[in-house]
């Protein structure tokens, strides 16, 4: 096995692990949000305002740490 082949194999396994983790998070989240108890909270404007503020803050911190 060459080094390049091993790197591709490791990258493919890492990508598969990320996809599996995303599925394990997304499926229960979908079940809680869509027909579940958190649907009402997601429809409130305050929730979206706070979420957008958090995303803006994360973007600023990421930009600042990249500099």
Protein backbone atom coordinates (compact mmCIF):
# COMPACT_ATOMS: atom_id res chain seq x y z
CA UNK A 1 0.00 0.00 0.00
CA UNK A 2 1.45 3.32 -1.02
CA UNK A 3 1.32 6.45 1.06
CA UNK A 4 -1.05 8.11 -1.39
CA UNK A 5 -3.41 5.13 -1.27
CA UNK A 6 -3.35 5.13 2.53
CA UNK A 7 -4.12 8.86 2.58
CA UNK A 8 -7.12 8.36 0.27
CA UNK A 9 -8.34 5.50 2.45
CA UNK A 10 -8.04 7.60 5.60
CA UNK A 11 -9.79 10.56 3.96
CA UNK A 12 -12.64 8.34 2.79
CA UNK A 13 -13.07 6.89 6.27
CA UNK A 14 -13.07 10.36 7.81
CA UNK A 15 -15.70 11.54 5.33
CA UNK A 16 -17.83 8.48 6.07
CA UNK A 17 -17.55 9.14 9.81
CA UNK A 18 -18.64 12.76 9.33
CA UNK A 19 -21.63 11.74 7.22
CA UNK A 20 -22.64 9.09 9.77
CA UNK A 21 -22.34 11.58 12.64
CA UNK A 22 -24.43 14.14 10.73
CA UNK A 23 -27.12 11.52 10.13
CA UNK A 24 -27.13 10.50 13.79
CA UNK A 25 -27.66 14.14 14.75
CA UNK A 26 -30.08 15.13 11.98
CA UNK A 27 -32.58 12.28 12.35
CA UNK A 28 -33.40 12.84 16.05
CA UNK A 29 -33.35 16.61 15.55
CA UNK A 30 -35.84 16.29 12.70
CA UNK A 31 -38.09 14.08 14.83
CA UNK A 32 -38.06 16.63 17.65
CA UNK A 33 -38.57 19.71 15.51
CA UNK A 34 -41.04 18.87 12.73
CA UNK A 35 -43.88 17.05 14.49
CA UNK A 36 -42.52 17.52 17.98
CA UNK A 37 -42.53 19.90 20.90
CA UNK A 38 -40.01 22.40 19.52
CA UNK A 39 -41.96 23.34 16.38
CA UNK A 40 -43.70 26.23 18.13
CA UNK A 41 -40.45 27.69 19.44
CA UNK A 42 -38.88 27.67 15.98
CA UNK A 43 -41.75 29.76 14.62
CA UNK A 44 -41.04 32.60 17.04
CA UNK A 45 -39.09 35.61 15.68
CA UNK A 46 -37.00 35.82 18.86
CA UNK A 47 -35.56 32.38 18.15
CA UNK A 48 -34.45 33.38 14.66
CA UNK A 49 -33.03 36.71 15.84
CA UNK A 50 -30.93 34.97 18.49
CA UNK A 51 -29.79 32.34 16.01
CA UNK A 52 -28.70 34.96 13.49
CA UNK A 53 -26.87 36.90 16.18
CA UNK A 54 -25.06 33.73 17.24
CA UNK A 55 -24.07 32.94 13.65
CA UNK A 56 -22.78 36.49 13.16
CA UNK A 57 -20.74 36.24 16.36
CA UNK A 58 -19.30 32.87 15.32
CA UNK A 59 -18.36 34.33 11.91
CA UNK A 60 -16.63 37.29 13.57
CA UNK A 61 -14.69 35.05 15.95
CA UNK A 62 -13.66 32.73 13.10
CA UNK A 63 -12.54 35.68 10.99
CA UNK A 64 -10.63 37.18 13.90
CA UNK A 65 -8.87 33.94 14.72
CA UNK A 66 -7.92 33.42 11.06
CA UNK A 67 -6.09 36.75 10.95
